[in-house]
Amino acid sequence: MSRITSAPEAMGDSRLKAGRAWLPALLLCVGLVLAGPAAGQEAARLEVLDAEGERLVSLPMPEGQGWCLEWNHSVEGFAVLDCYRHREGRMVLVRSHLPDFAAGLDHIPGRGRQVSDGEGGYWIEDIDEPVPGNAYRLRVGAMRVNHRLVIDGTRISLSQLAENRRVTVRLTLPGEQSPSTEP
């Protein structure tokens, strides 16, 4: 006995087959997005270089990820934070935490907005200033100042690596030439 298919059933069947045809392509695209950079492709990196260009720190820094530079205030001793984010290939200062209005610590009107941290200090939010050239120089303080990078709760002491020396903190993008490590 042969089956007679109505027109609506036949149309539904052809739509189902067409839907199945694009499924492998969709799964491939989703897989590529979830896999991240292709094999052999470099990721952006947060680097700290000494005055001779030798890498002291080199960490993957994918688009959207952030980090902070934390140090102890030289007079008061409390921790101060400047927080950055990799945003569209740029190193961007996004916020700062200041636990007090101590020497040199204040909010500049028009540069972000000041909000309480609930503990007597304050955050300056929405600074959103790109760092020129994706790099800045820093004179690393002694251990009592203890300049450190904070990334996902991990702290890397720059003072242990380069106490009282000049370093460059930079965001290096894929394909960019990093400075030579040779003298």
C-alpha atoms as a PDB file:
ATOM      1  CA  MET A   1       0.000   0.000   0.000  1.00  0.00           C
ATOM      2  CA  SER A   2       1.475   3.309  -0.972  1.00  0.00           C
ATOM      3  CA  ARG A   3       1.275   6.333   1.212  1.00  0.00           C
ATOM      4  CA  ILE A   4      -0.182   9.522  -0.191  1.00  0.00           C
ATOM      5  CA  THR A   5       1.410  12.642   1.252  1.00  0.00           C
ATOM      6  CA  SER A   6      -0.478  15.871   1.430  1.00  0.00           C
ATOM      7  CA  ALA A   7       1.171  19.073   0.170  1.00  0.00           C
ATOM      8  CA  PRO A   8       1.708  20.543   3.664  1.00  0.00           C
ATOM      9  CA  GLU A   9       3.417  17.344   4.844  1.00  0.00           C
ATOM     10  CA  ALA A  10       5.655  17.272   1.794  1.00  0.00           C
ATOM     11  CA  MET A  11       6.670  20.897   2.324  1.00  0.00           C
ATOM     12  CA  GLY A  12       7.460  20.238   5.997  1.00  0.00           C
ATOM     13  CA  ASP A  13       9.603  17.269   5.020  1.00  0.00           C
ATOM     14  CA  SER A  14      11.660  19.338   2.554  1.00  0.00           C
ATOM     15  CA  ARG A  15      12.154  22.087   5.185  1.00  0.00           C
ATOM     16  CA  LEU A  16      13.360  19.467   7.635  1.00  0.00           C
ATOM     17  CA  LYS A  17      15.922  18.163   5.123  1.00  0.00           C
ATOM     18  CA  ALA A  18      17.068  21.712   4.324  1.00  0.00           C
ATOM     19  CA  GLY A  19      17.427  22.437   8.044  1.00  0.00           C
ATOM     20  CA  ARG A  20      19.626  19.384   8.474  1.00  0.00           C
ATOM     21  CA  ALA A  21      21.877  20.532   5.634  1.00  0.00           C
ATOM     22  CA  TRP A  22      23.103  23.655   7.477  1.00  0.00           C
ATOM     23  CA  LEU A  23      23.515  21.958  10.866  1.00  0.00           C
ATOM     24  CA  PRO A  24      27.117  20.715  10.252  1.00  0.00           C
ATOM     25  CA  ALA A  25      28.165  24.207   9.114  1.00  0.00           C
ATOM     26  CA  LEU A  26      26.596  25.759  12.213  1.00  0.00           C
ATOM     27  CA  LEU A  27      28.359  23.289  14.508  1.00  0.00           C
ATOM     28  CA  LEU A  28      31.691  24.008  12.793  1.00  0.00           C
ATOM     29  CA  CYS A  29      31.270  27.777  13.308  1.00  0.00           C
ATOM     30  CA  VAL A  30      30.349  27.329  16.969  1.00  0.00           C
ATOM     31  CA  GLY A  31      33.385  25.096  17.436  1.00  0.00           C
ATOM     32  CA  LEU A  32      35.709  27.677  15.903  1.00  0.00           C
ATOM     33  CA  VAL A  33      34.360  30.440  18.139  1.00  0.00           C
ATOM     34  CA  LEU A  34      34.702  28.324  21.285  1.00  0.00           C
ATOM     35  CA  ALA A  35      38.176  27.080  20.357  1.00  0.00           C
ATOM     36  CA  GLY A  36      39.651  30.609  20.354  1.00  0.00           C
ATOM     37  CA  PRO A  37      42.764  31.465  18.333  1.00  0.00           C
ATOM     38  CA  ALA A  38      43.776  28.921  15.729  1.00  0.00           C
ATOM     39  CA  ALA A  39      46.832  26.785  16.332  1.00  0.00           C
ATOM     40  CA  GLY A  40      49.994  28.793  15.839  1.00  0.00           C
ATOM     41  CA  GLN A  41      48.167  32.098  16.218  1.00  0.00           C
ATOM     42  CA  GLU A  42      49.502  34.296  19.015  1.00  0.00           C
ATOM     43  CA  ALA A  43      47.383  35.948  21.668  1.00  0.00           C
ATOM     44  CA  ALA A  44      47.849  39.483  22.946  1.00  0.00           C
ATOM     45  CA  ARG A  45      50.184  39.588  25.951  1.00  0.00           C
ATOM     46  CA  LEU A  46      50.751  41.794  28.956  1.00  0.00           C
ATOM     47  CA  GLU A  47      54.502  42.220  29.296  1.00  0.00           C
ATOM     48  CA  VAL A  48      56.827  43.885  31.754  1.00  0.00           C
ATOM     49  CA  LEU A  49      60.254  44.642  30.287  1.00  0.00           C
ATOM     50  CA  ASP A  50      63.338  45.864  32.107  1.00  0.00           C
ATOM     51  CA  ALA A  51      65.405  48.818  30.836  1.00  0.00           C
ATOM     52  CA  GLU A  52      67.383  46.477  28.537  1.00  0.00           C
ATOM     53  CA  GLY A  53      64.207  45.025  27.008  1.00  0.00           C
ATOM     54  CA  GLU A  54      64.396  41.695  28.859  1.00  0.00           C
ATOM     55  CA  ARG A  55      60.977  40.240  29.647  1.00  0.00           C
ATOM     56  CA  LEU A  56      60.327  39.996  33.352  1.00  0.00           C
ATOM     57  CA  VAL A  57      56.643  39.078  32.964  1.00  0.00           C
ATOM     58  CA  SER A  58      54.692  37.842  29.941  1.00  0.00           C
ATOM     59  CA  LEU A  59      51.062  36.791  30.350  1.00  0.00           C
ATOM     60  CA  PRO A  60      48.277  36.102  27.843  1.00  0.00           C
ATOM     61  CA  MET A  61      45.851  39.013  27.781  1.00  0.00           C
ATOM     62  CA  PRO A  62      42.874  38.214  25.542  1.00  0.00           C
ATOM     63  CA  GLU A  63      40.433  40.862  24.377  1.00  0.00           C
ATOM     64  CA  GLY A  64      38.239  42.029  27.258  1.00  0.00           C
ATOM     65  CA  GLN A  65      40.462  40.725  30.053  1.00  0.00           C
ATOM     66  CA  GLY A  66      41.718  43.128  32.695  1.00  0.00           C
ATOM     67  CA  TRP A  67      44.468  43.572  35.269  1.00  0.00           C
ATOM     68  CA  CYS A  68      45.465  46.040  37.950  1.00  0.00           C
ATOM     69  CA  LEU A  69      48.696  47.627  39.089  1.00  0.00           C
ATOM     70  CA  GLU A  70      48.624  47.725  42.887  1.00  0.00           C
ATOM     71  CA  TRP A  71      51.089  49.399  45.222  1.00  0.00           C
ATOM     72  CA  ASN A  72      51.360  50.601  48.788  1.00  0.00           C
ATOM     73  CA  HIS A  73      51.120  54.377  49.196  1.00  0.00           C
ATOM     74  CA  SER A  74      54.603  55.640  50.085  1.00  0.00           C
ATOM     75  CA  VAL A  75      53.413  57.731  53.048  1.00  0.00           C
ATOM     76  CA  GLU A  76      50.241  56.053  54.347  1.00  0.00           C
ATOM     77  CA  GLY A  77      51.122  52.461  53.375  1.00  0.00           C
ATOM     78  CA  PHE A  78      47.638  51.432  52.169  1.00  0.00           C
ATOM     79  CA  ALA A  79      47.060  49.746  48.800  1.00  0.00           C
ATOM     80  CA  VAL A  80      46.219  51.848  45.716  1.00  0.00           C
ATOM     81  CA  LEU A  81      44.991  50.306  42.456  1.00  0.00           C
ATOM     82  CA  ASP A  82      44.975  51.381  38.808  1.00  0.00           C
ATOM     83  CA  CYS A  83      42.956  48.909  36.728  1.00  0.00           C
ATOM     84  CA  TYR A  84      43.286  48.370  32.985  1.00  0.00           C
ATOM     85  CA  ARG A  85      41.507  46.334  30.337  1.00  0.00           C
ATOM     86  CA  HIS A  86      42.452  45.062  26.879  1.00  0.00           C
ATOM     87  CA  ARG A  87      39.777  46.738  24.795  1.00  0.00           C
ATOM     88  CA  GLU A  88      39.823  46.459  20.983  1.00  0.00           C
ATOM     89  CA  GLY A  89      43.606  46.183  20.827  1.00  0.00           C
ATOM     90  CA  ARG A  90      44.187  49.042  23.274  1.00  0.00           C
ATOM     91  CA  MET A  91      45.413  49.185  26.874  1.00  0.00           C
ATOM     92  CA  VAL A  92      42.724  51.257  28.589  1.00  0.00           C
ATOM     93  CA  LEU A  93      42.786  52.662  32.137  1.00  0.00           C
ATOM     94  CA  VAL A  94      39.240  51.931  33.311  1.00  0.00           C
ATOM     95  CA  ARG A  95      39.199  52.581  37.074  1.00  0.00           C
ATOM     96  CA  SER A  96      41.297  53.399  40.132  1.00  0.00           C
ATOM     97  CA  HIS A  97      40.844  52.612  43.819  1.00  0.00           C
ATOM     98  CA  LEU A  98      42.019  55.122  46.406  1.00  0.00           C
ATOM     99  CA  PRO A  99      41.386  54.286  50.060  1.00  0.00           C
ATOM    100  CA  ASP A 100      41.966  57.855  51.236  1.00  0.00           C
ATOM    101  CA  PHE A 101      42.585  61.427  50.066  1.00  0.00           C
ATOM    102  CA  ALA A 102      46.261  61.099  51.062  1.00  0.00           C
ATOM    103  CA  ALA A 103      49.089  63.012  49.404  1.00  0.00           C
ATOM    104  CA  GLY A 104      48.714  62.877  45.631  1.00  0.00           C
ATOM    105  CA  LEU A 105      45.456  60.944  45.708  1.00  0.00           C
ATOM    106  CA  ASP A 106      42.412  62.813  44.566  1.00  0.00           C
ATOM    107  CA  HIS A 107      39.732  62.740  41.920  1.00  0.00           C
ATOM    108  CA  ILE A 108      40.094  65.111  38.991  1.00  0.00           C
ATOM    109  CA  PRO A 109      36.626  66.400  38.012  1.00  0.00           C
ATOM    110  CA  GLY A 110      35.706  65.360  34.470  1.00  0.00           C
ATOM    111  CA  ARG A 111      37.961  62.286  34.603  1.00  0.00           C
ATOM    112  CA  GLY A 112      35.648  59.424  35.505  1.00  0.00           C
ATOM    113  CA  ARG A 113      33.222  59.533  38.389  1.00  0.00           C
ATOM    114  CA  GLN A 114      33.979  59.098  42.061  1.00  0.00           C
ATOM    115  CA  VAL A 115      31.991  56.515  44.054  1.00  0.00           C
ATOM    116  CA  SER A 116      32.369  55.311  47.629  1.00  0.00           C
ATOM    117  CA  ASP A 117      33.928  51.910  48.216  1.00  0.00           C
ATOM    118  CA  GLY A 118      31.848  51.599  51.399  1.00  0.00           C
ATOM    119  CA  GLU A 119      34.965  51.454  53.578  1.00  0.00           C
ATOM    120  CA  GLY A 120      36.035  55.096  53.718  1.00  0.00           C
ATOM    121  CA  GLY A 121      37.833  55.088  50.370  1.00  0.00           C
ATOM    122  CA  TYR A 122      36.589  55.501  46.831  1.00  0.00           C
ATOM    123  CA  TRP A 123      36.711  54.188  43.306  1.00  0.00           C
ATOM    124  CA  ILE A 124      37.081  56.408  40.285  1.00  0.00           C
ATOM    125  CA  GLU A 125      34.966  54.569  37.719  1.00  0.00           C
ATOM    126  CA  ASP A 126      34.584  55.066  33.953  1.00  0.00           C
ATOM    127  CA  ILE A 127      37.976  56.699  33.412  1.00  0.00           C
ATOM    128  CA  ASP A 128      38.247  54.934  30.031  1.00  0.00           C
ATOM    129  CA  GLU A 129      41.571  56.483  28.946  1.00  0.00           C
ATOM    130  CA  PRO A 130      43.575  54.628  26.301  1.00  0.00           C
ATOM    131  CA  VAL A 131      47.265  54.444  27.239  1.00  0.00           C
ATOM    132  CA  PRO A 132      49.328  56.062  24.441  1.00  0.00           C
ATOM    133  CA  GLY A 133      51.300  53.423  22.552  1.00  0.00           C
ATOM    134  CA  ASN A 134      49.822  50.668  24.755  1.00  0.00           C
ATOM    135  CA  ALA A 135      52.745  51.096  27.165  1.00  0.00           C
ATOM    136  CA  TYR A 136      54.012  53.156  30.065  1.00  0.00           C
ATOM    137  CA  ARG A 137      57.227  53.393  32.032  1.00  0.00           C
ATOM    138  CA  LEU A 138      57.246  52.762  35.736  1.00  0.00           C
ATOM    139  CA  ARG A 139      59.958  53.272  38.340  1.00  0.00           C
ATOM    140  CA  VAL A 140      59.316  50.166  40.463  1.00  0.00           C
ATOM    141  CA  GLY A 141      59.328  50.933  44.179  1.00  0.00           C
ATOM    142  CA  ALA A 142      61.152  49.252  47.020  1.00  0.00           C
ATOM    143  CA  MET A 143      59.512  46.308  48.779  1.00  0.00           C
ATOM    144  CA  ARG A 144      57.711  48.627  51.231  1.00  0.00           C
ATOM    145  CA  VAL A 145      55.871  50.084  48.197  1.00  0.00           C
ATOM    146  CA  ASN A 146      55.715  46.670  46.493  1.00  0.00           C
ATOM    147  CA  HIS A 147      54.385  47.401  43.007  1.00  0.00           C
ATOM    148  CA  ARG A 148      52.483  44.325  41.867  1.00  0.00           C
ATOM    149  CA  LEU A 149      50.325  43.132  38.989  1.00  0.00           C
ATOM    150  CA  VAL A 150      46.953  41.699  40.023  1.00  0.00           C
ATOM    151  CA  ILE A 151      45.297  39.375  37.528  1.00  0.00           C
ATOM    152  CA  ASP A 152      42.352  37.153  38.481  1.00  0.00           C
ATOM    153  CA  GLY A 153      43.327  37.375  42.172  1.00  0.00           C
ATOM    154  CA  THR A 154      46.973  36.426  41.545  1.00  0.00           C
ATOM    155  CA  ARG A 155      49.634  38.961  42.554  1.00  0.00           C
ATOM    156  CA  ILE A 156      53.031  39.230  40.853  1.00  0.00           C
ATOM    157  CA  SER A 157      55.469  41.453  42.736  1.00  0.00           C
ATOM    158  CA  LEU A 158      57.332  43.720  40.336  1.00  0.00           C
ATOM    159  CA  SER A 159      59.342  44.981  43.306  1.00  0.00           C
ATOM    160  CA  GLN A 160      60.752  41.464  43.790  1.00  0.00           C
ATOM    161  CA  LEU A 161      61.706  41.381  40.104  1.00  0.00           C
ATOM    162  CA  ALA A 162      62.988  44.942  39.580  1.00  0.00           C
ATOM    163  CA  GLU A 163      63.157  46.877  42.860  1.00  0.00           C
ATOM    164  CA  ASN A 164      64.153  50.534  42.336  1.00  0.00           C
ATOM    165  CA  ARG A 165      64.536  50.017  38.571  1.00  0.00           C
ATOM    166  CA  ARG A 166      62.711  51.354  35.528  1.00  0.00           C
ATOM    167  CA  VAL A 167      60.415  48.969  33.628  1.00  0.00           C
ATOM    168  CA  THR A 168      57.961  49.217  30.757  1.00  0.00           C
ATOM    169  CA  VAL A 169      54.467  47.762  31.183  1.00  0.00           C
ATOM    170  CA  ARG A 170      52.937  47.094  27.779  1.00  0.00           C
ATOM    171  CA  LEU A 171      50.185  45.318  25.909  1.00  0.00           C
ATOM    172  CA  THR A 172      51.672  43.487  22.916  1.00  0.00           C
ATOM    173  CA  LEU A 173      49.262  42.527  20.152  1.00  0.00           C
ATOM    174  CA  PRO A 174      49.638  39.519  17.847  1.00  0.00           C
ATOM    175  CA  GLY A 175      52.026  40.244  15.003  1.00  0.00           C
ATOM    176  CA  GLU A 176      53.739  43.148  16.778  1.00  0.00           C
ATOM    177  CA  GLN A 177      57.468  43.013  17.149  1.00  0.00           C
ATOM    178  CA  SER A 178      58.536  42.822  20.766  1.00  0.00           C
ATOM    179  CA  PRO A 179      61.762  44.538  21.711  1.00  0.00           C
ATOM    180  CA  SER A 180      64.898  42.464  21.333  1.00  0.00           C
ATOM    181  CA  THR A 181      66.187  40.801  24.472  1.00  0.00           C
ATOM    182  CA  GLU A 182      69.768  41.007  23.226  1.00  0.00           C
ATOM    183  CA  PRO A 183      72.015  43.922  24.278  1.00  0.00           C
END
